[in-house]
């Protein structure tokens, strides 16, 4: 694994170089969190739920 490198400008961190596999792993965690947050928001906003079987009938499946 490549070690993490911090790029600084005027002694302040401005960028980080990380291993690509670690980048992909972190992006997946972010996507999972965003999906979860979106699902929780939808759940809070909808008080009426339709059964899956009823929805399939309604859509003609």
Foldseek 3Di string as FASTA:
>chain_A
DDDKDFDDDPNHTDDIDDDPVVVVVVVVVVVVVVVVVVVVVVVVVDPDDDDPVVVCVVVVD
